[in-house]
Each structure stands twice: as C-alpha cells, then as structure tokens.
Amino acid sequence: MAIRIKARGGESAEQMMRRFKKMCEKEGLTKDIKRRAYFEKPSERRRRAQRKSVKRLTMGQEMVRFTR
C-alpha cells in the first residue's frame, strides 16, 4: 500500500515531511523496516511471538485486578 501526500494550501515541504512520517508511523512501516533490517531465525520469531502473547495475557490479568 502506497502512502500518498498531497500538498495543502500554503504548506511547506517540512510540514509535508512531518505528515508523511506520522502516516508511516501510524501504518507501522517504520517498525516493520527496522524489524526486517536483519535476518531473524524462525525459532527467534516464534520465541518473540510467544513472549508477546504472554505479556498480553499477564497485562489483561493485571487490568482485571485493578478494576475489581
């Protein structure tokens, strides 16, 4: 998916670049580029996904404790 930026009336190049960077960050492109910069073994990818899911589950349990 291509991100397109059209100049608004009286908008400078710096402002357009700022909007472009924000849109890239919002779409997750910068995070994806950083992640793909180096090769990651499949076992490391699975391990990272497992840690992420455990973190998500424990975070949900903490929220339940705080709301009761």
PDB file of N, CA and C in Angstrom:
ATOM      1  N   MET A   1       0.846  -1.176   0.000  1.00  0.00           N
ATOM      2  CA  MET A   1       0.000   0.000   0.000  1.00  0.00           C
ATOM      3  C   MET A   1       0.891   1.238   0.000  1.00  0.00           C
ATOM      4  N   ALA A   2       0.665   2.103  -0.928  1.00  0.00           N
ATOM      5  CA  ALA A   2       1.470   3.311  -1.047  1.00  0.00           C
ATOM      6  C   ALA A   2       0.824   4.441  -0.254  1.00  0.00           C
ATOM      7  N   ILE A   3       1.654   5.182   0.433  1.00  0.00           N
ATOM      8  CA  ILE A   3       1.178   6.347   1.173  1.00  0.00           C
ATOM      9  C   ILE A   3       1.369   7.557   0.277  1.00  0.00           C
ATOM     10  N   ARG A   4       0.324   8.298   0.085  1.00  0.00           N
ATOM     11  CA  ARG A   4       0.388   9.471  -0.778  1.00  0.00           C
ATOM     12  C   ARG A   4       0.056  10.712   0.034  1.00  0.00           C
ATOM     13  N   ILE A   5       0.819  11.746  -0.197  1.00  0.00           N
ATOM     14  CA  ILE A   5       0.625  13.015   0.485  1.00  0.00           C
ATOM     15  C   ILE A   5       0.416  14.087  -0.576  1.00  0.00           C
ATOM     16  N   LYS A   6      -0.661  14.827  -0.443  1.00  0.00           N
ATOM     17  CA  LYS A   6      -0.899  15.958  -1.335  1.00  0.00           C
ATOM     18  C   LYS A   6      -0.671  17.229  -0.541  1.00  0.00           C
ATOM     19  N   ALA A   7      -0.060  18.182  -1.197  1.00  0.00           N
ATOM     20  CA  ALA A   7       0.238  19.458  -0.538  1.00  0.00           C
ATOM     21  C   ALA A   7      -1.060  20.206  -0.256  1.00  0.00           C
ATOM     22  N   ARG A   8      -1.141  20.700   0.965  1.00  0.00           N
ATOM     23  CA  ARG A   8      -2.277  21.541   1.322  1.00  0.00           C
ATOM     24  C   ARG A   8      -1.915  22.983   0.984  1.00  0.00           C
ATOM     25  N   GLY A   9      -2.891  23.829   0.978  1.00  0.00           N
ATOM     26  CA  GLY A   9      -2.626  25.229   0.633  1.00  0.00           C
ATOM     27  C   GLY A   9      -1.660  25.891   1.594  1.00  0.00           C
ATOM     28  N   GLY A  10      -0.567  26.401   1.076  1.00  0.00           N
ATOM     29  CA  GLY A  10       0.409  27.122   1.896  1.00  0.00           C
ATOM     30  C   GLY A  10       1.243  26.232   2.804  1.00  0.00           C
ATOM     31  N   GLU A  11       1.288  24.942   2.519  1.00  0.00           N
ATOM     32  CA  GLU A  11       2.049  24.008   3.365  1.00  0.00           C
ATOM     33  C   GLU A  11       3.490  23.900   2.859  1.00  0.00           C
ATOM     34  N   SER A  12       4.441  23.976   3.788  1.00  0.00           N
ATOM     35  CA  SER A  12       5.846  23.890   3.402  1.00  0.00           C
ATOM     36  C   SER A  12       6.256  22.429   3.241  1.00  0.00           C
ATOM     37  N   ALA A  13       7.448  22.239   2.669  1.00  0.00           N
ATOM     38  CA  ALA A  13       7.970  20.886   2.463  1.00  0.00           C
ATOM     39  C   ALA A  13       8.227  20.189   3.792  1.00  0.00           C
ATOM     40  N   GLU A  14       8.678  20.944   4.802  1.00  0.00           N
ATOM     41  CA  GLU A  14       8.937  20.361   6.118  1.00  0.00           C
ATOM     42  C   GLU A  14       7.649  19.850   6.758  1.00  0.00           C
ATOM     43  N   GLN A  15       6.572  20.598   6.593  1.00  0.00           N
ATOM     44  CA  GLN A  15       5.282  20.178   7.142  1.00  0.00           C
ATOM     45  C   GLN A  15       4.771  18.926   6.435  1.00  0.00           C
ATOM     46  N   MET A  16       4.993  18.867   5.116  1.00  0.00           N
ATOM     47  CA  MET A  16       4.584  17.677   4.375  1.00  0.00           C
ATOM     48  C   MET A  16       5.383  16.458   4.820  1.00  0.00           C
ATOM     49  N   MET A  17       6.682  16.628   5.024  1.00  0.00           N
ATOM     50  CA  MET A  17       7.518  15.521   5.500  1.00  0.00           C
ATOM     51  C   MET A  17       7.064  15.057   6.881  1.00  0.00           C
ATOM     52  N   ARG A  18       6.710  15.986   7.742  1.00  0.00           N
ATOM     53  CA  ARG A  18       6.230  15.643   9.080  1.00  0.00           C
ATOM     54  C   ARG A  18       4.945  14.811   8.989  1.00  0.00           C
ATOM     55  N   ARG A  19       4.016  15.234   8.117  1.00  0.00           N
ATOM     56  CA  ARG A  19       2.784  14.464   7.930  1.00  0.00           C
ATOM     57  C   ARG A  19       3.069  13.083   7.367  1.00  0.00           C
ATOM     58  N   PHE A  20       4.006  13.015   6.413  1.00  0.00           N
ATOM     59  CA  PHE A  20       4.371  11.731   5.814  1.00  0.00           C
ATOM     60  C   PHE A  20       4.956  10.788   6.873  1.00  0.00           C
ATOM     61  N   LYS A  21       5.847  11.282   7.702  1.00  0.00           N
ATOM     62  CA  LYS A  21       6.463  10.465   8.746  1.00  0.00           C
ATOM     63  C   LYS A  21       5.417   9.969   9.736  1.00  0.00           C
ATOM     64  N   LYS A  22       4.476  10.835  10.092  1.00  0.00           N
ATOM     65  CA  LYS A  22       3.417  10.428  11.011  1.00  0.00           C
ATOM     66  C   LYS A  22       2.553   9.330  10.405  1.00  0.00           C
ATOM     67  N   MET A  23       2.245   9.457   9.121  1.00  0.00           N
ATOM     68  CA  MET A  23       1.434   8.435   8.461  1.00  0.00           C
ATOM     69  C   MET A  23       2.184   7.107   8.382  1.00  0.00           C
ATOM     70  N   CYS A  24       3.490   7.164   8.111  1.00  0.00           N
ATOM     71  CA  CYS A  24       4.293   5.939   8.068  1.00  0.00           C
ATOM     72  C   CYS A  24       4.330   5.280   9.437  1.00  0.00           C
ATOM     73  N   GLU A  25       4.475   6.075  10.480  1.00  0.00           N
ATOM     74  CA  GLU A  25       4.499   5.546  11.843  1.00  0.00           C
ATOM     75  C   GLU A  25       3.144   4.926  12.189  1.00  0.00           C
ATOM     76  N   LYS A  26       2.084   5.595  11.799  1.00  0.00           N
ATOM     77  CA  LYS A  26       0.730   5.107  12.081  1.00  0.00           C
ATOM     78  C   LYS A  26       0.458   3.773  11.385  1.00  0.00           C
ATOM     79  N   GLU A  27       0.953   3.618  10.163  1.00  0.00           N
ATOM     80  CA  GLU A  27       0.775   2.380   9.404  1.00  0.00           C
ATOM     81  C   GLU A  27       1.705   1.272   9.876  1.00  0.00           C
ATOM     82  N   GLY A  28       2.711   1.613  10.680  1.00  0.00           N
ATOM     83  CA  GLY A  28       3.639   0.608  11.181  1.00  0.00           C
ATOM     84  C   GLY A  28       4.781   0.303  10.231  1.00  0.00           C
ATOM     85  N   LEU A  29       5.003   1.157   9.245  1.00  0.00           N
ATOM     86  CA  LEU A  29       6.052   0.902   8.264  1.00  0.00           C
ATOM     87  C   LEU A  29       7.440   1.022   8.876  1.00  0.00           C
ATOM     88  N   THR A  30       7.649   2.020   9.719  1.00  0.00           N
ATOM     89  CA  THR A  30       8.984   2.205  10.290  1.00  0.00           C
ATOM     90  C   THR A  30       9.353   1.037  11.192  1.00  0.00           C
ATOM     91  N   LYS A  31       8.403   0.548  11.954  1.00  0.00           N
ATOM     92  CA  LYS A  31       8.668  -0.593  12.826  1.00  0.00           C
ATOM     93  C   LYS A  31       8.967  -1.845  11.998  1.00  0.00           C
ATOM     94  N   ASP A  32       8.235  -2.008  10.910  1.00  0.00           N
ATOM     95  CA  ASP A  32       8.430  -3.163  10.034  1.00  0.00           C
ATOM     96  C   ASP A  32       9.796  -3.116   9.353  1.00  0.00           C
ATOM     97  N   ILE A  33      10.204  -1.938   8.917  1.00  0.00           N
ATOM     98  CA  ILE A  33      11.506  -1.789   8.257  1.00  0.00           C
ATOM     99  C   ILE A  33      12.631  -2.106   9.230  1.00  0.00           C
ATOM    100  N   LYS A  34      12.528  -1.607  10.451  1.00  0.00           N
ATOM    101  CA  LYS A  34      13.555  -1.887  11.447  1.00  0.00           C
ATOM    102  C   LYS A  34      13.615  -3.379  11.762  1.00  0.00           C
ATOM    103  N   ARG A  35      12.458  -4.020  11.823  1.00  0.00           N
ATOM    104  CA  ARG A  35      12.420  -5.446  12.137  1.00  0.00           C
ATOM    105  C   ARG A  35      13.017  -6.280  11.012  1.00  0.00           C
ATOM    106  N   ARG A  36      12.820  -5.867   9.764  1.00  0.00           N
ATOM    107  CA  ARG A  36      13.311  -6.631   8.623  1.00  0.00           C
ATOM    108  C   ARG A  36      14.740  -6.266   8.229  1.00  0.00           C
ATOM    109  N   ALA A  37      15.365  -5.349   8.936  1.00  0.00           N
ATOM    110  CA  ALA A  37      16.715  -4.918   8.583  1.00  0.00           C
ATOM    111  C   ALA A  37      17.712  -6.065   8.722  1.00  0.00           C
ATOM    112  N   TYR A  38      17.481  -6.965   9.662  1.00  0.00           N
ATOM    113  CA  TYR A  38      18.374  -8.092   9.890  1.00  0.00           C
ATOM    114  C   TYR A  38      17.572  -9.385   9.846  1.00  0.00           C
ATOM    115  N   PHE A  39      18.234 -10.460   9.465  1.00  0.00           N
ATOM    116  CA  PHE A  39      17.580 -11.755   9.395  1.00  0.00           C
ATOM    117  C   PHE A  39      17.257 -12.244  10.799  1.00  0.00           C
ATOM    118  N   GLU A  40      16.071 -12.774  10.954  1.00  0.00           N
ATOM    119  CA  GLU A  40      15.642 -13.337  12.232  1.00  0.00           C
ATOM    120  C   GLU A  40      15.296 -14.803  12.007  1.00  0.00           C
ATOM    121  N   LYS A  41      15.943 -15.658  12.773  1.00  0.00           N
ATOM    122  CA  LYS A  41      15.681 -17.082  12.622  1.00  0.00           C
ATOM    123  C   LYS A  41      14.220 -17.381  12.983  1.00  0.00           C
ATOM    124  N   PRO A  42      13.618 -18.381  12.333  1.00  0.00           N
ATOM    125  CA  PRO A  42      12.228 -18.721  12.637  1.00  0.00           C
ATOM    126  C   PRO A  42      12.010 -19.058  14.112  1.00  0.00           C
ATOM    127  N   SER A  43      12.980 -19.701  14.737  1.00  0.00           N
ATOM    128  CA  SER A  43      12.832 -20.030  16.152  1.00  0.00           C
ATOM    129  C   SER A  43      12.808 -18.763  17.005  1.00  0.00           C
ATOM    130  N   GLU A  44      13.609 -17.761  16.636  1.00  0.00           N
ATOM    131  CA  GLU A  44      13.597 -16.492  17.366  1.00  0.00           C
ATOM    132  C   GLU A  44      12.280 -15.761  17.148  1.00  0.00           C
ATOM    133  N   ARG A  45      11.737 -15.858  15.941  1.00  0.00           N
ATOM    134  CA  ARG A  45      10.455 -15.220  15.640  1.00  0.00           C
ATOM    135  C   ARG A  45       9.344 -15.836  16.488  1.00  0.00           C
ATOM    136  N   ARG A  46       9.336 -17.175  16.577  1.00  0.00           N
ATOM    137  CA  ARG A  46       8.327 -17.848  17.412  1.00  0.00           C
ATOM    138  C   ARG A  46       8.495 -17.481  18.879  1.00  0.00           C
ATOM    139  N   ARG A  47       9.744 -17.427  19.332  1.00  0.00           N
ATOM    140  CA  ARG A  47      10.014 -17.086  20.730  1.00  0.00           C
ATOM    141  C   ARG A  47       9.535 -15.661  21.038  1.00  0.00           C
ATOM    142  N   ARG A  48       9.764 -14.733  20.112  1.00  0.00           N
ATOM    143  CA  ARG A  48       9.316 -13.353  20.303  1.00  0.00           C
ATOM    144  C   ARG A  48       7.789 -13.278  20.335  1.00  0.00           C
ATOM    145  N   ALA A  49       7.141 -14.020  19.452  1.00  0.00           N
ATOM    146  CA  ALA A  49       5.680 -14.044  19.427  1.00  0.00           C
ATOM    147  C   ALA A  49       5.124 -14.640  20.716  1.00  0.00           C
ATOM    148  N   GLN A  50       5.780 -15.676  21.246  1.00  0.00           N
ATOM    149  CA  GLN A  50       5.341 -16.294  22.497  1.00  0.00           C
ATOM    150  C   GLN A  50       5.466 -15.304  23.652  1.00  0.00           C
ATOM    151  N   ARG A  51       6.585 -14.595  23.716  1.00  0.00           N
ATOM    152  CA  ARG A  51       6.766 -13.604  24.788  1.00  0.00           C
ATOM    153  C   ARG A  51       5.717 -12.504  24.695  1.00  0.00           C
ATOM    154  N   LYS A  52       5.400 -12.097  23.478  1.00  0.00           N
ATOM    155  CA  LYS A  52       4.409 -11.048  23.280  1.00  0.00           C
ATOM    156  C   LYS A  52       3.030 -11.501  23.753  1.00  0.00           C
ATOM    157  N   SER A  53       2.665 -12.743  23.455  1.00  0.00           N
ATOM    158  CA  SER A  53       1.357 -13.242  23.867  1.00  0.00           C
ATOM    159  C   SER A  53       1.283 -13.399  25.384  1.00  0.00           C
ATOM    160  N   VAL A  54       2.368 -13.846  26.009  1.00  0.00           N
ATOM    161  CA  VAL A  54       2.385 -13.984  27.470  1.00  0.00           C
ATOM    162  C   VAL A  54       2.257 -12.614  28.111  1.00  0.00           C
ATOM    163  N   LYS A  55       2.950 -11.634  27.561  1.00  0.00           N
ATOM    164  CA  LYS A  55       2.880 -10.276  28.092  1.00  0.00           C
ATOM    165  C   LYS A  55       1.454  -9.741  27.972  1.00  0.00           C
ATOM    166  N   ARG A  56       0.811 -10.014  26.836  1.00  0.00           N
ATOM    167  CA  ARG A  56      -0.557  -9.546  26.627  1.00  0.00           C
ATOM    168  C   ARG A  56      -1.511 -10.189  27.629  1.00  0.00           C
ATOM    169  N   LEU A  57      -1.328 -11.490  27.900  1.00  0.00           N
ATOM    170  CA  LEU A  57      -2.187 -12.185  28.846  1.00  0.00           C
ATOM    171  C   LEU A  57      -1.994 -11.677  30.270  1.00  0.00           C
ATOM    172  N   THR A  58      -0.741 -11.498  30.678  1.00  0.00           N
ATOM    173  CA  THR A  58      -0.492 -11.019  32.034  1.00  0.00           C
ATOM    174  C   THR A  58      -0.965  -9.586  32.204  1.00  0.00           C
ATOM    175  N   MET A  59      -0.878  -8.790  31.160  1.00  0.00           N
ATOM    176  CA  MET A  59      -1.356  -7.417  31.230  1.00  0.00           C
ATOM    177  C   MET A  59      -2.873  -7.402  31.427  1.00  0.00           C
ATOM    178  N   GLY A  60      -3.574  -8.314  30.761  1.00  0.00           N
ATOM    179  CA  GLY A  60      -5.025  -8.400  30.909  1.00  0.00           C
ATOM    180  C   GLY A  60      -5.423  -8.807  32.312  1.00  0.00           C
ATOM    181  N   GLN A  61      -4.661  -9.699  32.930  1.00  0.00           N
ATOM    182  CA  GLN A  61      -4.957 -10.119  34.290  1.00  0.00           C
ATOM    183  C   GLN A  61      -4.730  -8.986  35.278  1.00  0.00           C
ATOM    184  N   GLU A  62      -3.708  -8.173  35.062  1.00  0.00           N
ATOM    185  CA  GLU A  62      -3.458  -7.038  35.938  1.00  0.00           C
ATOM    186  C   GLU A  62      -4.580  -6.024  35.835  1.00  0.00           C
ATOM    187  N   MET A  63      -5.103  -5.827  34.641  1.00  0.00           N
ATOM    188  CA  MET A  63      -6.205  -4.876  34.467  1.00  0.00           C
ATOM    189  C   MET A  63      -7.443  -5.360  35.198  1.00  0.00           C
ATOM    190  N   VAL A  64      -7.673  -6.674  35.220  1.00  0.00           N
ATOM    191  CA  VAL A  64      -8.828  -7.220  35.923  1.00  0.00           C
ATOM    192  C   VAL A  64      -8.674  -6.953  37.422  1.00  0.00           C
ATOM    193  N   ARG A  65      -7.460  -7.130  37.945  1.00  0.00           N
ATOM    194  CA  ARG A  65      -7.216  -6.879  39.360  1.00  0.00           C
ATOM    195  C   ARG A  65      -7.481  -5.441  39.727  1.00  0.00           C
ATOM    196  N   PHE A  66      -7.084  -4.511  38.877  1.00  0.00           N
ATOM    197  CA  PHE A  66      -7.249  -3.090  39.184  1.00  0.00           C
ATOM    198  C   PHE A  66      -8.704  -2.643  39.099  1.00  0.00           C
ATOM    199  N   THR A  67      -9.499  -3.297  38.265  1.00  0.00           N
ATOM    200  CA  THR A  67     -10.882  -2.856  38.085  1.00  0.00           C
ATOM    201  C   THR A  67     -11.805  -3.414  39.154  1.00  0.00           C
ATOM    202  N   ARG A  68     -11.394  -4.428  39.873  1.00  0.00           N
ATOM    203  CA  ARG A  68     -12.272  -5.011  40.904  1.00  0.00           C
ATOM    204  C   ARG A  68     -12.092  -4.364  42.234  1.00  0.00           C
TER     205      ARG A  68
END
